[in-house]
Amino acid sequence: MSTVSGLDWRHRLAERGVDRRLWLLLPATVFVLVLFIYPFVYGLSLSFQPMNGGGAFANYQKFFSDAYQRDTILTTLKIALPAALLNVLAAVPIAFRMRGRFRGKRLMTTVLVIPITLGTVLTAQGLLNFLGPTGWFNRVLMGIGLTDDPIRLTNNYWGVFFSLIVTGFPFAFLLVLSYLSGIDPTLERAAATLGASRSQRFRRITLPLLAPGLATTFLLTFVLAFSVFPSAVLVGNPAGSTRVISLAAYQAAYEQYDYAYASAIAMIMGAVELVVVAVVLIWRSRLYTGSTGGKG
């Protein structure tokens, strides 16, 4: 009896155009709702409930009327945008060379992506040991007489910047490599038979096909860099040149215990990211969007 009713239920779903395999999406849907949608909606509503009153937008007015808080947006952009751009630019030539077959390719790929496994804290410790005032880099420079005093490359802007390069490059490299692998190599070979040089093939064929993927890679690395927090504290100057917006949200929540204000800062942080994403996506839509002959 239960088997017959089960078949009837399936037939009814089929008649309504509902594929029962769509139920497989239910766990993922619940996951997104619980871990993403609900926290976002809760945080957004909380941001309109200022702890000290003053209206729904009081927290936002408080943030933008305080230059010390407002400047964290520009500070974060000054760190995240150049770091994301450099990661993408550095990944292109390396991935272009790595897409071919050669001995030791797997080993080289492993070495390039190892920083993913290190974590932010270990990366920061390594930078302090290598680039710090008493680190290897400064000792070598002073040992060969190039400088009398240590060059300050940590506990400032450059410490955070280098940390983002180390941790962000593997993601950019893997993404660019996947896009390059999806470009049909016969297109370049056909251009070569017509007399196009290597630089012409890259500029006229590979780069236009790769550009949409580079835009996507830039966005992902930018979002990772924009949310920088541990590096800004460990190898930066959290009270000055590297006081990023995520640090402002942390201080509001766990030092001032003003969770509504912290939520407002988090919403502002997300809005700034969305603006950058929208600008890059608009630019990306103007690029070549045809088939690359593969997964790119």
Protein backbone atom coordinates (compact mmCIF):
# COMPACT_ATOMS: atom_id res chain seq x y z
CA MET A 1 0.00 0.00 0.00
CA SER A 2 2.80 2.38 0.92
CA THR A 3 4.58 1.56 -2.34
CA VAL A 4 1.50 2.45 -4.36
CA SER A 5 1.03 5.73 -2.49
CA GLY A 6 4.70 6.52 -3.03
CA LEU A 7 4.33 5.97 -6.77
CA ASP A 8 1.21 8.17 -6.84
CA TRP A 9 3.13 10.92 -5.05
CA ARG A 10 5.95 10.70 -7.59
CA HIS A 11 3.50 10.79 -10.49
CA ARG A 12 1.81 13.86 -9.07
CA LEU A 13 5.15 15.65 -8.78
CA ALA A 14 6.04 14.63 -12.33
CA GLU A 15 2.71 15.91 -13.66
CA ARG A 16 3.40 19.28 -12.04
CA GLY A 17 6.86 19.40 -13.63
CA VAL A 18 8.71 18.90 -10.33
CA ASP A 19 11.78 16.70 -10.54
CA ARG A 20 12.10 14.75 -7.29
CA ARG A 21 15.87 14.99 -7.62
CA LEU A 22 15.49 18.64 -6.69
CA TRP A 23 15.04 17.43 -3.11
CA LEU A 24 18.79 16.80 -3.17
CA LEU A 25 19.18 20.57 -3.04
CA LEU A 26 17.37 20.73 0.31
CA PRO A 27 20.46 20.18 2.54
CA ALA A 28 22.41 22.85 0.65
CA THR A 29 19.46 25.23 0.87
CA VAL A 30 19.16 24.73 4.62
CA PHE A 31 22.92 25.22 4.96
CA VAL A 32 22.80 28.55 3.10
CA LEU A 33 19.77 29.75 5.05
CA VAL A 34 21.22 28.87 8.46
CA LEU A 35 24.82 30.01 7.94
CA PHE A 36 24.43 32.91 5.50
CA ILE A 37 20.94 34.30 5.00
CA TYR A 38 19.82 34.28 8.64
CA PRO A 39 23.03 35.87 10.04
CA PHE A 40 22.90 38.56 7.35
CA VAL A 41 19.24 39.40 7.95
CA TYR A 42 19.76 39.36 11.73
CA GLY A 43 22.82 41.59 11.49
CA LEU A 44 21.06 43.99 9.15
CA SER A 45 18.05 44.32 11.46
CA LEU A 46 20.32 44.70 14.50
CA SER A 47 22.20 47.55 12.84
CA PHE A 48 18.96 49.58 12.85
CA GLN A 49 18.55 49.16 16.61
CA PRO A 50 21.13 51.55 18.13
CA MET A 51 22.06 50.80 21.72
CA ASN A 52 21.66 54.43 22.82
CA GLY A 53 18.66 55.28 20.66
CA GLY A 54 18.61 58.13 18.18
CA GLY A 55 16.74 56.63 15.26
CA ALA A 56 17.15 53.67 12.96
CA PHE A 57 20.14 55.12 11.09
CA ALA A 58 21.96 56.41 14.19
CA ASN A 59 24.72 53.79 13.95
CA TYR A 60 25.43 54.65 10.32
CA GLN A 61 25.46 58.37 11.11
CA LYS A 62 27.81 57.69 14.00
CA PHE A 63 30.23 55.84 11.73
CA PHE A 64 30.34 58.35 8.87
CA SER A 65 30.46 61.38 11.18
CA ASP A 66 33.60 60.03 12.91
CA ALA A 67 36.67 60.56 10.71
CA TYR A 68 38.65 57.99 12.74
CA GLN A 69 36.07 55.35 11.86
CA ARG A 70 35.28 56.58 8.36
CA ASP A 71 38.93 56.50 7.31
CA THR A 72 39.08 52.76 7.90
CA ILE A 73 37.27 52.28 4.57
CA LEU A 74 40.01 54.04 2.63
CA THR A 75 42.73 52.33 4.65
CA THR A 76 41.30 48.91 3.87
CA LEU A 77 40.90 49.72 0.17
CA LYS A 78 44.50 50.97 0.02
CA ILE A 79 45.63 47.57 1.27
CA ALA A 80 43.17 45.24 -0.44
CA LEU A 81 43.04 46.66 -3.98
CA PRO A 82 46.83 46.69 -4.66
CA ALA A 83 47.27 43.29 -3.00
CA ALA A 84 44.52 41.70 -5.12
CA LEU A 85 45.82 43.32 -8.30
CA LEU A 86 49.41 42.22 -7.67
CA ASN A 87 48.30 38.66 -6.89
CA VAL A 88 46.47 38.45 -10.22
CA LEU A 89 49.31 40.03 -12.21
CA ALA A 90 51.88 37.72 -10.61
CA ALA A 91 49.72 34.65 -11.16
CA VAL A 92 49.29 35.16 -14.93
CA PRO A 93 52.88 34.56 -16.17
CA ILE A 94 53.47 31.75 -13.68
CA ALA A 95 50.21 29.99 -14.54
CA PHE A 96 50.92 30.53 -18.25
CA ARG A 97 54.20 28.68 -17.87
CA MET A 98 52.73 26.00 -15.61
CA ARG A 99 49.96 24.98 -18.00
CA GLY A 100 52.42 23.05 -20.16
CA ARG A 101 53.91 19.65 -19.41
CA PHE A 102 57.38 19.47 -17.91
CA ARG A 103 59.27 17.48 -15.34
CA GLY A 104 58.62 18.61 -11.78
CA LYS A 105 55.32 20.34 -12.57
CA ARG A 106 53.47 18.70 -9.68
CA LEU A 107 56.23 19.56 -7.25
CA MET A 108 56.29 23.18 -8.42
CA THR A 109 52.51 23.46 -8.15
CA THR A 110 52.64 22.04 -4.62
CA VAL A 111 55.29 24.57 -3.59
CA LEU A 112 53.23 27.45 -4.99
CA VAL A 113 50.05 26.49 -3.10
CA ILE A 114 51.69 25.52 0.21
CA PRO A 115 50.95 28.97 1.77
CA ILE A 116 47.27 27.98 1.80
CA THR A 117 48.08 25.45 4.52
CA LEU A 118 50.14 27.80 6.67
CA GLY A 119 47.40 30.02 8.03
CA THR A 120 47.53 33.71 8.84
CA VAL A 121 49.26 33.41 12.21
CA LEU A 122 52.09 31.21 10.93
CA THR A 123 52.52 33.46 7.89
CA ALA A 124 52.76 36.51 10.16
CA GLN A 125 55.33 34.79 12.35
CA GLY A 126 57.38 33.91 9.29
CA LEU A 127 57.28 37.48 8.04
CA LEU A 128 58.42 38.79 11.42
CA ASN A 129 61.32 36.33 11.44
CA PHE A 130 62.32 37.13 7.86
CA LEU A 131 61.48 40.83 7.37
CA GLY A 132 61.51 42.08 10.96
CA PRO A 133 64.16 44.49 12.31
CA THR A 134 66.26 41.51 13.48
CA GLY A 135 65.16 39.20 10.68
CA TRP A 136 67.29 37.50 8.05
CA PHE A 137 66.56 40.08 5.36
CA ASN A 138 67.80 43.06 7.38
CA ARG A 139 70.77 41.15 8.77
CA VAL A 140 71.90 40.31 5.24
CA LEU A 141 71.50 43.91 4.06
CA MET A 142 73.45 45.26 7.03
CA GLY A 143 76.02 42.47 6.72
CA ILE A 144 76.92 43.40 3.14
CA GLY A 145 76.85 47.12 3.95
CA LEU A 146 73.80 48.19 1.94
CA THR A 147 72.19 49.83 4.97
CA ASP A 148 73.26 50.88 8.44
CA ASP A 149 69.83 50.61 10.05
CA PRO A 150 67.13 47.95 9.61
CA ILE A 151 64.51 48.65 6.95
CA ARG A 152 61.10 48.65 8.54
CA LEU A 153 58.96 46.15 6.62
CA THR A 154 56.74 44.88 9.43
CA ASN A 155 54.32 46.42 11.93
CA ASN A 156 53.24 48.84 9.23
CA TYR A 157 51.45 48.90 5.86
CA TRP A 158 54.06 46.70 4.16
CA GLY A 159 53.80 43.93 6.71
CA VAL A 160 50.07 43.54 6.04
CA PHE A 161 50.57 43.91 2.29
CA PHE A 162 53.20 41.15 2.14
CA SER A 163 51.02 38.91 4.29
CA LEU A 164 48.11 39.30 1.87
CA ILE A 165 50.40 38.53 -1.06
CA VAL A 166 51.67 35.32 0.56
CA THR A 167 48.21 34.08 1.56
CA GLY A 168 46.31 35.32 -1.50
CA PHE A 169 48.64 34.30 -4.32
CA PRO A 170 47.86 30.55 -4.20
CA PHE A 171 44.14 31.22 -4.74
CA ALA A 172 44.84 33.57 -7.63
CA PHE A 173 47.32 31.13 -9.16
CA LEU A 174 44.96 28.14 -9.02
CA LEU A 175 42.07 30.15 -10.48
CA VAL A 176 44.13 31.62 -13.32
CA LEU A 177 45.62 28.21 -14.07
CA SER A 178 42.13 26.70 -14.35
CA TYR A 179 41.03 29.44 -16.76
CA LEU A 180 44.17 29.05 -18.87
CA SER A 181 43.69 25.29 -18.99
CA GLY A 182 40.22 25.86 -20.42
CA ILE A 183 41.46 27.86 -23.41
CA ASP A 184 41.67 25.71 -26.53
CA PRO A 185 45.40 25.52 -27.44
CA THR A 186 44.53 24.98 -31.12
CA LEU A 187 43.56 28.65 -31.30
CA GLU A 188 47.14 29.70 -30.55
CA ARG A 189 48.56 27.08 -32.88
CA ALA A 190 46.31 28.31 -35.68
CA ALA A 191 47.51 31.87 -35.09
CA ALA A 192 51.12 30.66 -35.11
CA THR A 193 50.66 29.07 -38.51
CA LEU A 194 49.44 32.45 -39.77
CA GLY A 195 52.68 34.07 -38.62
CA ALA A 196 51.62 35.56 -35.28
CA SER A 197 54.46 35.94 -32.78
CA ARG A 198 54.22 34.67 -29.20
CA SER A 199 53.46 38.15 -27.86
CA GLN A 200 50.83 38.71 -30.55
CA ARG A 201 49.16 35.38 -29.75
CA PHE A 202 49.03 36.25 -26.08
CA ARG A 203 47.78 39.80 -26.66
CA ARG A 204 45.25 39.03 -29.40
CA ILE A 205 44.00 35.56 -28.39
CA THR A 206 44.90 34.41 -24.88
CA LEU A 207 44.42 37.67 -23.01
CA PRO A 208 40.93 38.50 -24.42
CA LEU A 209 39.77 34.97 -23.58
CA LEU A 210 41.39 35.11 -20.16
CA ALA A 211 40.25 38.62 -19.18
CA PRO A 212 36.79 37.63 -17.82
CA GLY A 213 38.47 34.99 -15.68
CA LEU A 214 41.02 37.52 -14.45
CA ALA A 215 38.17 39.80 -13.39
CA THR A 216 36.58 36.99 -11.40
CA THR A 217 39.94 36.07 -9.85
CA PHE A 218 40.53 39.69 -8.87
CA LEU A 219 37.14 39.85 -7.16
CA LEU A 220 37.72 36.70 -5.12
CA THR A 221 41.19 37.78 -4.02
CA PHE A 222 39.91 41.28 -3.26
CA VAL A 223 37.13 39.97 -1.01
CA LEU A 224 39.67 37.84 0.85
CA ALA A 225 42.02 40.80 1.22
CA PHE A 226 39.31 43.28 2.22
CA SER A 227 38.34 41.15 5.20
CA VAL A 228 41.92 41.23 6.53
CA PHE A 229 42.04 41.15 10.33
CA PRO A 230 44.77 38.98 11.93
CA SER A 231 47.51 40.34 9.66
CA ALA A 232 46.53 43.93 10.44
CA VAL A 233 47.14 43.18 14.11
CA LEU A 234 50.12 40.78 13.98
CA VAL A 235 52.30 42.41 11.31
CA GLY A 236 50.62 45.79 11.00
CA ASN A 237 49.95 48.87 13.07
CA PRO A 238 46.36 48.37 14.28
CA ALA A 239 46.23 51.74 16.03
CA GLY A 240 47.46 53.66 13.00
CA SER A 241 48.28 52.90 9.38
CA THR A 242 46.60 49.48 9.28
CA ARG A 243 43.45 50.13 11.28
CA VAL A 244 41.13 48.37 8.86
CA ILE A 245 37.34 48.33 8.92
CA SER A 246 37.14 44.75 10.23
CA LEU A 247 39.19 45.86 13.24
CA ALA A 248 36.75 48.72 13.83
CA ALA A 249 33.86 46.24 13.83
CA TYR A 250 35.73 43.97 16.26
CA GLN A 251 36.44 46.82 18.67
CA ALA A 252 32.82 47.95 18.57
CA ALA A 253 31.57 44.45 19.38
CA TYR A 254 34.13 43.12 21.87
CA GLU A 255 35.62 46.24 23.43
CA GLN A 256 32.63 48.58 23.48
CA TYR A 257 30.05 45.75 23.55
CA ASP A 258 27.91 47.71 21.10
CA TYR A 259 26.75 44.87 18.87
CA ALA A 260 24.31 47.04 16.93
CA TYR A 261 27.11 49.45 16.00
CA ALA A 262 29.37 46.53 15.09
CA SER A 263 26.61 45.15 12.85
CA ALA A 264 26.31 48.52 11.13
CA ILE A 265 30.05 48.57 10.45
CA ALA A 266 29.82 45.04 9.07
CA MET A 267 26.98 46.12 6.76
CA ILE A 268 29.05 49.08 5.56
CA MET A 269 31.95 46.74 4.96
CA GLY A 270 29.75 44.48 2.86
CA ALA A 271 28.34 47.45 0.94
CA VAL A 272 31.81 48.67 0.00
CA GLU A 273 32.72 45.20 -1.23
CA LEU A 274 29.54 45.04 -3.28
CA VAL A 275 30.35 48.38 -4.92
CA VAL A 276 33.77 47.13 -6.00
CA VAL A 277 32.28 43.84 -7.17
CA ALA A 278 29.61 45.67 -9.19
CA VAL A 279 32.17 47.94 -10.88
CA VAL A 280 34.40 45.00 -11.85
CA LEU A 281 31.43 42.93 -13.06
CA ILE A 282 30.22 45.81 -15.24
CA TRP A 283 33.70 46.04 -16.74
CA ARG A 284 33.77 42.24 -17.11
CA SER A 285 30.47 42.27 -19.02
CA ARG A 286 32.11 44.44 -21.69
CA LEU A 287 34.83 41.87 -22.31
CA TYR A 288 34.77 38.88 -24.61
CA THR A 289 32.18 36.40 -23.39
CA GLY A 290 32.35 33.71 -26.06
CA SER A 291 33.42 30.12 -25.67
CA THR A 292 37.00 29.42 -24.67
CA GLY A 293 36.80 25.87 -25.81
CA GLY A 294 36.90 24.43 -22.31
CA LYS A 295 36.22 25.12 -18.69
CA GLY A 296 37.57 28.70 -18.83
